[in-house]
Amino acid sequence: MLKKFDLPDISHPGYGTIDPFDNRYFDAEVSKYLSEQSRIIYQAYMEAALAHSLAEAGLCSSQIAEEIEKSARSVDINKVYEEEKITRHDIKALVNTIKAGISDGAKPYVHFAATSYDIIANAQVLQLKDATEQIILPRLANLIKILAELAEKYADTPQIGRTHGQHGIPITFGFAIAEYVSRLNNSYAALKDLSNELKGKFSGAVGAYNALSIFVDEPLKFEASVLDKVGLLPTEYSTQIAPPEQLIRLLDEYAVVSGIMSNFGHDMRHLQRSEIAEIREKFSEGQAGSSTMAQKRNPWNFENIVSMHKQVLAQAMNANQNIASEHQRDLTDSASSRFYVLVPAIVANMLNRLNKVMPNIEVDEQSMQRNLKQSQGAIAAEPLYLLLEKYGHTSAHEKSKQLAQQALAEGKSLVELASTDSEIADFWAKFTDSEKEIIKSPESHYLGLAAEKTKNVIANLKI
């Protein structure tokens, strides 16, 4: 047996991360808003906002507020981590680190009249709000535009419509893409609205403004002052924490948008199957699809999208289990809520991947035509039975089914069988030339409003 390799002794998390998102899927722009360091910076930002509201309320001088802001703005993250080893409390560690950089006269006003979650809750809201508005919405808007351009380009390109994995009736490729343009556009609007609805709280240890009531005449006005400085409105009601539903609703919509992308990924992956081959990802020089099967061009980007969606769902379920907090607060969500940042991080990764791969998708219109004609026109079974009914046939669906299945079994065209069948000869004679063309060439003459609907979706975009 081969001797095992020696494993490293990890002394710093930066060199031994466990979460794949911190290495394989690292994104500097995402990390800017959602990293552990950013979390502390947002919390320090809240401490500075509090100091300035204390000054406005006459509880300290503006010079003290500026001193606190300066220390909070330049807080050393490493020192906060070191301090937490002593305090075993993250906010207390932050407060002590800010205090270490200011005068004795200013120290009493750091975190004055605040409870930890007056800082934590607002910082988390700001973190997710900024990530949504600065990363997710722009990337999502870009993807929608890319897909809209693709839908418009192929609005009139016939493709077989599929239900249950089976050939149905013709659509256009643009119509198939327009589905996702519409769905993602709706999710864009929902994410934007939910982000705008995020609110904060500064109401103390149980949400009743007990501490503030000692020092200020209008605690509600003071709360509004603190939150206004960071661009938030106060919630209607809070305990020690803000109502968790607001963040959960946002994360649930993230699960929806990732689900739409996963659905899209499934469709794009299936269209690349060897036996379908209607699209393909453009491979770069030197790229390999398999370590052993050299002929392969795996649709790995779309498979990654499907895989990532599972992780978003896991965190959405995690969030929904955090609705309950007993009485005015417990900590059963304290650890699990720290993972919320993974949701926008994963969605940002999915969007970035699709934004890179979709402009390079190669569409094979010849394969689309081949697949449309694969059934020898049997895909015209629907219009055949409807037209037979129009002219009075009393069991048109059964007759159409029989002819279509015969066409498939014998390798003959549906129009050939229909036009020579003695049972429906009198009905066939009543078909107009344009109606016969539908049965003869459904791939060209039975496309419904696919192109029109595609163009309407594109025209109604509001991003």
Protein backbone atom coordinates (compact mmCIF):
# COMPACT_ATOMS: atom_id res chain seq x y z
CA MET A 1 0.00 0.00 0.00
CA LEU A 2 1.34 3.43 -0.97
CA LYS A 3 2.23 5.56 2.01
CA LYS A 4 -0.17 8.47 2.48
CA PHE A 5 1.07 11.96 1.70
CA ASP A 6 1.63 14.27 4.66
CA LEU A 7 -1.23 16.73 5.12
CA PRO A 8 -0.45 20.38 5.95
CA ASP A 9 -0.88 21.97 9.35
CA ILE A 10 -3.21 24.90 8.71
CA SER A 11 -2.39 27.90 10.87
CA HIS A 12 -4.50 30.55 9.08
CA PRO A 13 -7.89 30.21 7.37
CA GLY A 14 -6.62 32.15 4.38
CA TYR A 15 -4.37 29.24 3.52
CA GLY A 16 -6.69 26.40 4.35
CA THR A 17 -10.21 27.34 3.34
CA ILE A 18 -12.84 24.63 3.40
CA ASP A 19 -15.66 26.28 1.45
CA PRO A 20 -15.01 25.83 -2.31
CA PHE A 21 -16.31 29.33 -2.83
CA ASP A 22 -13.21 30.74 -1.20
CA ASN A 23 -10.88 29.07 -3.68
CA ARG A 24 -12.30 27.38 -6.77
CA TYR A 25 -15.12 29.88 -7.23
CA PHE A 26 -13.47 32.97 -5.74
CA ASP A 27 -14.70 36.25 -7.19
CA ALA A 28 -12.99 39.45 -6.03
CA GLU A 29 -16.04 41.60 -6.74
CA VAL A 30 -18.27 39.31 -4.71
CA SER A 31 -15.74 39.13 -1.89
CA LYS A 32 -15.69 42.93 -1.74
CA TYR A 33 -19.25 42.90 -0.41
CA LEU A 34 -19.76 39.47 1.11
CA SER A 35 -16.50 38.44 2.75
CA GLU A 36 -15.93 38.06 6.47
CA GLN A 37 -13.79 41.17 6.37
CA SER A 38 -16.59 43.10 4.69
CA ARG A 39 -18.99 41.99 7.43
CA ILE A 40 -16.77 43.65 10.04
CA ILE A 41 -16.47 46.81 7.93
CA TYR A 42 -20.26 47.08 7.66
CA GLN A 43 -20.50 46.67 11.44
CA ALA A 44 -17.90 49.37 12.00
CA TYR A 45 -19.91 51.59 9.64
CA MET A 46 -22.92 51.14 11.92
CA GLU A 47 -20.88 52.10 14.97
CA ALA A 48 -19.85 55.31 13.21
CA ALA A 49 -23.46 56.10 12.30
CA LEU A 50 -24.44 55.63 15.94
CA ALA A 51 -21.71 58.02 17.10
CA HIS A 52 -22.93 60.79 14.79
CA SER A 53 -26.53 60.35 15.96
CA LEU A 54 -25.34 60.57 19.56
CA ALA A 55 -23.67 63.86 18.69
CA GLU A 56 -26.81 65.19 17.01
CA ALA A 57 -28.80 64.26 20.12
CA GLY A 58 -26.37 66.20 22.27
CA LEU A 59 -25.03 63.14 24.08
CA CYS A 60 -21.47 63.70 22.86
CA SER A 61 -19.62 66.27 20.82
CA SER A 62 -19.27 66.20 17.05
CA GLN A 63 -15.50 65.98 17.58
CA ILE A 64 -15.98 62.73 19.50
CA ALA A 65 -18.25 61.37 16.76
CA GLU A 66 -15.62 62.20 14.14
CA GLU A 67 -12.94 60.57 16.27
CA ILE A 68 -15.01 57.39 16.55
CA GLU A 69 -15.75 57.43 12.81
CA LYS A 70 -12.06 57.79 11.99
CA SER A 71 -11.13 54.81 14.15
CA ALA A 72 -14.05 52.73 12.83
CA ARG A 73 -13.21 53.60 9.24
CA SER A 74 -9.62 52.41 9.64
CA VAL A 75 -10.29 49.43 11.91
CA ASP A 76 -7.70 46.65 11.64
CA ILE A 77 -9.55 43.43 10.83
CA ASN A 78 -6.73 41.27 12.14
CA LYS A 79 -6.83 43.05 15.49
CA VAL A 80 -10.57 42.44 15.71
CA TYR A 81 -9.96 38.72 15.17
CA GLU A 82 -7.24 38.70 17.83
CA GLU A 83 -9.46 40.59 20.27
CA GLU A 84 -12.29 38.09 19.74
CA LYS A 85 -10.01 35.32 21.00
CA ILE A 86 -10.16 37.15 24.34
CA THR A 87 -13.73 38.44 24.40
CA ARG A 88 -15.33 35.40 22.72
CA HIS A 89 -17.80 37.96 21.38
CA ASP A 90 -17.49 39.43 17.88
CA ILE A 91 -19.16 42.82 18.49
CA LYS A 92 -17.38 43.35 21.78
CA ALA A 93 -14.13 42.61 19.95
CA LEU A 94 -14.98 45.23 17.33
CA VAL A 95 -15.95 47.78 19.99
CA ASN A 96 -12.70 47.23 21.89
CA THR A 97 -10.66 47.58 18.70
CA ILE A 98 -12.37 50.89 17.83
CA LYS A 99 -11.86 52.14 21.38
CA ALA A 100 -8.15 51.31 21.19
CA GLY A 101 -7.76 53.98 18.51
CA ILE A 102 -9.49 56.91 20.24
CA SER A 103 -9.10 59.12 23.28
CA ASP A 104 -10.38 58.20 26.73
CA GLY A 105 -13.01 60.93 26.46
CA ALA A 106 -14.49 59.33 23.35
CA LYS A 107 -14.41 55.70 24.49
CA PRO A 108 -17.70 55.71 26.47
CA TYR A 109 -19.65 56.62 23.34
CA VAL A 110 -18.62 53.67 21.22
CA HIS A 111 -21.63 51.36 21.05
CA PHE A 112 -23.46 53.62 23.54
CA ALA A 113 -27.05 52.42 24.28
CA ALA A 114 -26.76 49.74 21.58
CA THR A 115 -27.22 46.02 21.75
CA SER A 116 -25.12 43.78 19.54
CA TYR A 117 -27.93 43.17 17.08
CA ASP A 118 -28.52 46.89 16.61
CA ILE A 119 -25.18 46.58 14.82
CA ILE A 120 -25.28 43.02 13.45
CA ALA A 121 -28.80 43.10 11.99
CA ASN A 122 -28.27 46.36 10.13
CA ALA A 123 -24.82 45.39 8.89
CA GLN A 124 -26.21 42.14 7.49
CA VAL A 125 -29.06 43.95 5.75
CA LEU A 126 -26.63 46.45 4.24
CA GLN A 127 -24.28 43.68 3.13
CA LEU A 128 -27.01 41.77 1.28
CA LYS A 129 -28.67 44.92 -0.03
CA ASP A 130 -25.43 46.24 -1.51
CA ALA A 131 -24.50 42.86 -2.97
CA THR A 132 -27.92 42.62 -4.59
CA GLU A 133 -27.87 46.12 -6.03
CA GLN A 134 -24.19 46.38 -6.96
CA ILE A 135 -23.49 42.85 -8.21
CA ILE A 136 -26.57 40.70 -8.74
CA LEU A 137 -28.91 43.13 -10.48
CA PRO A 138 -26.29 44.41 -12.96
CA ARG A 139 -25.16 40.86 -13.81
CA LEU A 140 -28.76 39.69 -14.12
CA ALA A 141 -29.64 42.66 -16.34
CA ASN A 142 -26.67 41.82 -18.54
CA LEU A 143 -27.75 38.20 -18.89
CA ILE A 144 -31.30 39.24 -19.77
CA LYS A 145 -29.95 41.54 -22.48
CA ILE A 146 -27.73 38.79 -23.90
CA LEU A 147 -30.65 36.36 -24.02
CA ALA A 148 -32.95 39.02 -25.48
CA GLU A 149 -30.49 39.62 -28.31
CA LEU A 150 -30.29 35.87 -28.93
CA ALA A 151 -34.09 35.56 -28.89
CA GLU A 152 -34.45 38.44 -31.32
CA LYS A 153 -31.82 37.02 -33.67
CA TYR A 154 -33.56 33.63 -33.83
CA ALA A 155 -37.15 34.82 -33.44
CA ASP A 156 -38.06 33.32 -36.82
CA THR A 157 -35.79 30.25 -36.75
CA PRO A 158 -37.96 27.10 -36.60
CA GLN A 159 -37.25 24.53 -33.92
CA ILE A 160 -39.21 21.54 -32.75
CA GLY A 161 -41.12 22.18 -29.54
CA ARG A 162 -40.72 19.44 -26.98
CA THR A 163 -43.01 18.26 -24.19
CA HIS A 164 -42.08 15.35 -21.91
CA GLY A 165 -38.87 15.06 -23.93
CA GLN A 166 -40.88 14.19 -27.04
CA HIS A 167 -41.31 16.07 -30.29
CA GLY A 168 -44.43 18.18 -30.05
CA ILE A 169 -45.18 20.92 -32.56
CA PRO A 170 -42.94 23.59 -34.08
CA ILE A 171 -41.85 26.77 -32.32
CA THR A 172 -38.86 28.98 -32.98
CA PHE A 173 -35.54 28.97 -31.16
CA GLY A 174 -36.09 32.63 -30.31
CA PHE A 175 -39.38 31.70 -28.67
CA ALA A 176 -37.62 29.08 -26.53
CA ILE A 177 -35.08 31.67 -25.36
CA ALA A 178 -37.77 34.32 -24.81
CA GLU A 179 -39.27 32.13 -22.07
CA TYR A 180 -36.19 32.73 -19.95
CA VAL A 181 -35.98 36.40 -20.88
CA SER A 182 -39.48 36.84 -19.49
CA ARG A 183 -38.99 34.75 -16.35
CA LEU A 184 -35.64 36.30 -15.46
CA ASN A 185 -37.04 39.77 -16.10
CA ASN A 186 -39.81 39.10 -13.57
CA SER A 187 -37.26 37.86 -11.06
CA TYR A 188 -35.13 40.95 -11.66
CA ALA A 189 -38.07 43.16 -10.70
CA ALA A 190 -38.79 41.02 -7.62
CA LEU A 191 -35.17 41.14 -6.41
CA LYS A 192 -35.07 44.89 -6.90
CA ASP A 193 -38.29 45.41 -4.95
CA LEU A 194 -37.29 43.06 -2.13
CA SER A 195 -33.91 44.74 -1.80
CA ASN A 196 -35.58 48.15 -1.60
CA GLU A 197 -37.89 46.85 1.12
CA LEU A 198 -35.07 45.79 3.47
CA LYS A 199 -35.24 47.76 6.71
CA GLY A 200 -33.22 48.12 9.88
CA LYS A 201 -33.67 48.49 13.63
CA PHE A 202 -32.09 50.32 16.55
CA SER A 203 -34.43 49.40 19.37
CA GLY A 204 -32.23 47.80 21.98
CA ALA A 205 -31.97 44.46 23.72
CA VAL A 206 -35.64 43.42 23.49
CA GLY A 207 -36.88 45.94 20.92
CA ALA A 208 -38.66 48.22 23.44
CA TYR A 209 -36.08 51.07 23.35
CA ASN A 210 -35.40 50.62 27.08
CA ALA A 211 -31.83 51.98 27.09
CA LEU A 212 -32.52 54.82 24.67
CA SER A 213 -35.50 55.96 26.73
CA ILE A 214 -33.13 56.95 29.54
CA PHE A 215 -31.08 59.26 27.38
CA VAL A 216 -33.21 60.66 24.57
CA ASP A 217 -36.69 62.13 24.56
CA GLU A 218 -37.70 60.55 21.26
CA PRO A 219 -36.15 57.09 20.85
CA LEU A 220 -38.05 56.45 17.60
CA LYS A 221 -36.63 59.62 16.11
CA PHE A 222 -33.15 58.58 17.28
CA GLU A 223 -33.57 55.17 15.65
CA ALA A 224 -34.61 56.83 12.40
CA SER A 225 -31.56 59.12 12.63
CA VAL A 226 -29.10 56.23 12.98
CA LEU A 227 -30.67 54.26 10.14
CA ASP A 228 -30.99 57.26 7.85
CA LYS A 229 -27.22 57.70 7.98
CA VAL A 230 -26.78 54.29 6.36
CA GLY A 231 -29.72 54.57 3.97
CA LEU A 232 -32.27 52.43 5.80
CA LEU A 233 -35.75 52.93 7.21
CA PRO A 234 -36.81 51.37 10.53
CA THR A 235 -38.99 48.29 10.67
CA GLU A 236 -42.49 48.69 12.05
CA TYR A 237 -41.67 46.33 14.90
CA SER A 238 -38.57 44.56 16.12
CA THR A 239 -37.39 42.54 19.06
CA GLN A 240 -33.65 42.31 19.65
CA ILE A 241 -33.55 41.44 15.96
CA ALA A 242 -35.32 42.76 12.89
CA PRO A 243 -38.09 40.49 11.58
CA PRO A 244 -36.24 37.71 9.73
CA GLU A 245 -38.87 37.41 6.99
CA GLN A 246 -37.47 40.35 5.03
CA LEU A 247 -34.15 38.63 4.43
CA ILE A 248 -35.80 35.25 3.96
CA ARG A 249 -38.07 36.63 1.23
CA LEU A 250 -35.02 38.04 -0.54
CA LEU A 251 -33.15 34.74 -0.27
CA ASP A 252 -36.24 32.87 -1.46
CA GLU A 253 -36.29 35.02 -4.59
CA TYR A 254 -32.62 34.20 -5.05
CA ALA A 255 -33.67 30.55 -4.99
CA VAL A 256 -36.26 31.35 -7.66
CA VAL A 257 -33.82 33.12 -9.97
CA SER A 258 -31.23 30.36 -9.53
CA GLY A 259 -33.99 27.82 -10.27
CA ILE A 260 -34.82 29.61 -13.51
CA MET A 261 -31.15 29.56 -14.47
CA SER A 262 -31.01 25.87 -13.57
CA ASN A 263 -34.03 25.19 -15.78
CA PHE A 264 -32.31 27.11 -18.56
CA GLY A 265 -29.12 25.13 -17.96
CA HIS A 266 -31.03 21.85 -18.29
CA ASP A 267 -32.56 22.98 -21.60
CA MET A 268 -29.25 24.17 -23.02
CA ARG A 269 -27.53 20.97 -21.90
CA HIS A 270 -30.14 18.76 -23.53
CA LEU A 271 -29.98 20.71 -26.78
CA GLN A 272 -26.27 19.77 -26.91
CA ARG A 273 -26.92 16.03 -26.73
CA SER A 274 -25.19 14.21 -29.58
CA GLU A 275 -28.51 13.03 -31.01
CA ILE A 276 -30.02 16.54 -30.84
CA ALA A 277 -27.00 18.79 -31.48
CA GLU A 278 -28.95 22.01 -32.01
CA ILE A 279 -26.51 24.19 -30.08
CA ARG A 280 -23.01 23.84 -28.69
CA GLU A 281 -20.65 25.71 -26.43
CA LYS A 282 -17.75 27.16 -28.34
CA PHE A 283 -14.58 25.47 -27.16
CA SER A 284 -11.39 27.46 -26.81
CA GLU A 285 -8.12 26.19 -28.22
CA GLY A 286 -6.66 23.50 -25.98
CA GLN A 287 -9.89 22.90 -24.07
CA ALA A 288 -10.74 19.28 -23.28
CA GLY A 289 -14.16 17.76 -22.80
CA SER A 290 -12.93 14.55 -21.23
CA SER A 291 -9.67 13.27 -19.79
CA THR A 292 -10.01 10.08 -21.85
CA MET A 293 -12.72 10.47 -24.54
CA ALA A 294 -11.06 13.00 -26.78
CA GLN A 295 -14.04 13.50 -29.08
CA LYS A 296 -16.27 14.93 -26.37
CA ARG A 297 -17.41 18.53 -25.96
CA ASN A 298 -19.18 18.39 -22.63
CA PRO A 299 -21.77 21.09 -21.80
CA TRP A 300 -20.02 21.56 -18.47
CA ASN A 301 -20.91 25.20 -17.93
CA PHE A 302 -24.62 24.48 -18.00
CA GLU A 303 -24.14 21.44 -15.79
CA ASN A 304 -22.33 23.67 -13.30
CA ILE A 305 -25.35 26.01 -13.27
CA VAL A 306 -27.65 23.11 -12.38
CA SER A 307 -25.25 21.97 -9.68
CA MET A 308 -24.91 25.43 -8.13
CA HIS A 309 -28.68 25.77 -7.86
CA LYS A 310 -28.69 22.91 -5.36
CA GLN A 311 -26.44 24.92 -3.06
CA VAL A 312 -28.73 27.96 -3.28
CA LEU A 313 -31.69 25.75 -2.36
CA ALA A 314 -29.78 24.38 0.63
CA GLN A 315 -29.20 27.87 2.00
CA ALA A 316 -32.76 28.97 1.23
CA MET A 317 -33.99 26.06 3.34
CA ASN A 318 -31.51 27.04 6.02
CA ALA A 319 -32.91 30.58 6.03
CA ASN A 320 -36.52 29.44 6.21
CA GLN A 321 -35.71 27.41 9.29
CA ASN A 322 -34.57 30.63 10.96
CA ILE A 323 -37.98 32.31 11.06
CA ALA A 324 -38.50 31.32 14.69
CA SER A 325 -36.57 33.03 17.46
CA GLU A 326 -38.03 32.34 20.90
CA HIS A 327 -39.54 35.27 22.77
CA GLN A 328 -37.42 38.38 22.11
CA ARG A 329 -34.30 36.51 20.98
CA ASP A 330 -32.41 33.26 20.98
CA LEU A 331 -29.27 32.28 19.10
CA THR A 332 -30.50 29.25 17.19
CA ASP A 333 -29.97 31.21 13.96
CA SER A 334 -26.73 32.91 14.96
CA ALA A 335 -24.38 30.46 13.28
CA SER A 336 -26.60 29.42 10.38
CA SER A 337 -27.46 33.00 9.36
CA ARG A 338 -23.77 33.67 8.73
CA PHE A 339 -24.11 31.43 5.68
CA TYR A 340 -26.68 33.73 4.04
CA VAL A 341 -23.91 35.48 2.14
CA LEU A 342 -23.33 32.27 0.18
CA VAL A 343 -26.66 32.74 -1.60
CA PRO A 344 -25.87 35.96 -3.50
CA ALA A 345 -22.28 34.75 -3.92
CA ILE A 346 -23.43 31.56 -5.66
CA VAL A 347 -26.02 33.37 -7.78
CA ALA A 348 -23.38 35.92 -8.78
CA ASN A 349 -21.17 33.04 -9.89
CA MET A 350 -24.00 31.48 -11.91
CA LEU A 351 -24.74 34.80 -13.60
CA ASN A 352 -21.09 35.41 -14.36
CA ARG A 353 -20.77 31.98 -15.95
CA LEU A 354 -23.86 32.40 -18.15
CA ASN A 355 -22.79 35.91 -19.13
CA LYS A 356 -19.53 34.44 -20.43
CA VAL A 357 -20.87 31.34 -22.16
CA MET A 358 -24.05 32.62 -23.82
CA PRO A 359 -22.41 35.09 -26.23
CA ASN A 360 -20.36 32.15 -27.54
CA ILE A 361 -23.20 29.71 -28.10
CA GLU A 362 -23.18 28.26 -31.60
CA VAL A 363 -26.63 27.57 -33.05
CA ASP A 364 -26.91 24.78 -35.64
CA GLU A 365 -29.94 25.64 -37.76
CA GLN A 366 -29.36 22.63 -40.01
CA SER A 367 -29.72 20.30 -37.02
CA MET A 368 -32.88 22.11 -36.07
CA GLN A 369 -34.29 21.49 -39.52
CA ARG A 370 -33.19 17.87 -39.42
CA ASN A 371 -34.94 17.35 -36.09
CA LEU A 372 -38.08 19.10 -37.32
CA LYS A 373 -38.30 16.67 -40.23
CA GLN A 374 -37.30 13.61 -38.26
CA SER A 375 -40.88 12.44 -37.78
CA GLN A 376 -41.80 12.66 -41.49
CA GLY A 377 -44.34 15.36 -40.76
CA ALA A 378 -46.07 13.49 -37.94
CA ILE A 379 -45.71 16.69 -35.90
CA ALA A 380 -48.64 17.95 -38.00
CA ALA A 381 -51.01 15.52 -36.26
CA GLU A 382 -52.52 18.34 -34.21
CA PRO A 383 -53.48 20.63 -37.10
CA LEU A 384 -54.66 17.59 -39.10
CA TYR A 385 -57.18 16.56 -36.45
CA LEU A 386 -58.33 20.15 -35.89
CA LEU A 387 -58.89 20.70 -39.60
CA LEU A 388 -60.72 17.37 -39.89
CA GLU A 389 -62.97 18.49 -37.06
CA LYS A 390 -63.50 21.81 -38.79
CA TYR A 391 -64.92 19.97 -41.77
CA GLY A 392 -67.13 17.68 -39.68
CA HIS A 393 -65.14 14.51 -38.91
CA THR A 394 -66.57 13.05 -35.70
CA SER A 395 -63.52 11.10 -34.50
CA ALA A 396 -60.81 13.31 -35.91
CA HIS A 397 -58.35 12.93 -33.05
CA GLU A 398 -58.36 9.13 -33.27
CA LYS A 399 -57.97 9.25 -37.05
CA SER A 400 -55.12 11.72 -36.86
CA LYS A 401 -53.39 9.60 -34.20
CA GLN A 402 -53.74 6.48 -36.34
CA LEU A 403 -52.28 8.20 -39.40
CA ALA A 404 -49.42 9.78 -37.44
CA GLN A 405 -48.44 6.50 -35.82
CA GLN A 406 -48.64 4.75 -39.17
CA ALA A 407 -46.38 7.39 -40.69
CA LEU A 408 -43.83 6.89 -37.93
CA ALA A 409 -43.99 3.09 -38.18
CA GLU A 410 -43.72 2.95 -41.95
CA GLY A 411 -41.35 5.86 -42.46
CA LYS A 412 -43.84 7.63 -44.65
CA SER A 413 -44.90 11.26 -44.55
CA LEU A 414 -48.12 12.20 -42.81
CA VAL A 415 -49.27 14.26 -45.76
CA GLU A 416 -48.81 11.28 -48.06
CA LEU A 417 -50.97 9.05 -45.89
CA ALA A 418 -53.60 11.69 -45.21
CA SER A 419 -53.98 12.74 -48.84
CA THR A 420 -54.47 9.12 -50.00
CA ASP A 421 -56.61 7.78 -47.16
CA SER A 422 -60.05 6.85 -48.51
CA GLU A 423 -61.78 7.32 -45.16
CA ILE A 424 -60.98 11.02 -45.01
CA ALA A 425 -60.83 11.71 -48.75
CA ASP A 426 -64.01 13.82 -48.71
CA PHE A 427 -62.71 15.87 -45.79
CA TRP A 428 -59.23 16.28 -47.31
CA ALA A 429 -60.82 17.61 -50.49
CA LYS A 430 -62.26 20.49 -48.46
CA PHE A 431 -58.86 21.58 -47.15
CA THR A 432 -57.66 24.85 -48.67
CA ASP A 433 -54.23 25.01 -50.29
CA SER A 434 -52.84 26.86 -47.27
CA GLU A 435 -54.30 24.25 -44.92
CA LYS A 436 -52.71 21.45 -46.92
CA GLU A 437 -49.39 23.31 -46.74
CA ILE A 438 -49.63 23.17 -42.94
CA ILE A 439 -49.85 19.37 -43.07
CA LYS A 440 -47.17 19.14 -45.74
CA SER A 441 -44.63 21.48 -44.12
CA PRO A 442 -45.53 22.13 -40.47
CA GLU A 443 -41.96 23.27 -39.77
CA SER A 444 -42.62 26.29 -41.99
CA HIS A 445 -46.38 26.82 -41.80
CA TYR A 446 -47.38 25.84 -38.27
CA LEU A 447 -45.39 28.17 -36.05
CA GLY A 448 -48.31 30.00 -34.48
CA LEU A 449 -47.34 33.27 -32.78
CA ALA A 450 -43.88 32.09 -31.73
CA ALA A 451 -42.03 34.90 -33.48
CA GLU A 452 -44.58 37.55 -32.53
CA LYS A 453 -44.61 36.49 -28.89
CA THR A 454 -40.81 36.56 -28.82
CA LYS A 455 -40.71 40.11 -30.12
CA ASN A 456 -43.38 41.20 -27.64
CA VAL A 457 -41.35 39.85 -24.72
CA ILE A 458 -38.28 41.73 -25.89
CA ALA A 459 -40.25 44.95 -26.42
CA ASN A 460 -41.65 44.80 -22.89
CA LEU A 461 -38.31 44.53 -21.07
CA LYS A 462 -37.84 47.14 -18.36
CA ILE A 463 -34.23 46.74 -17.28
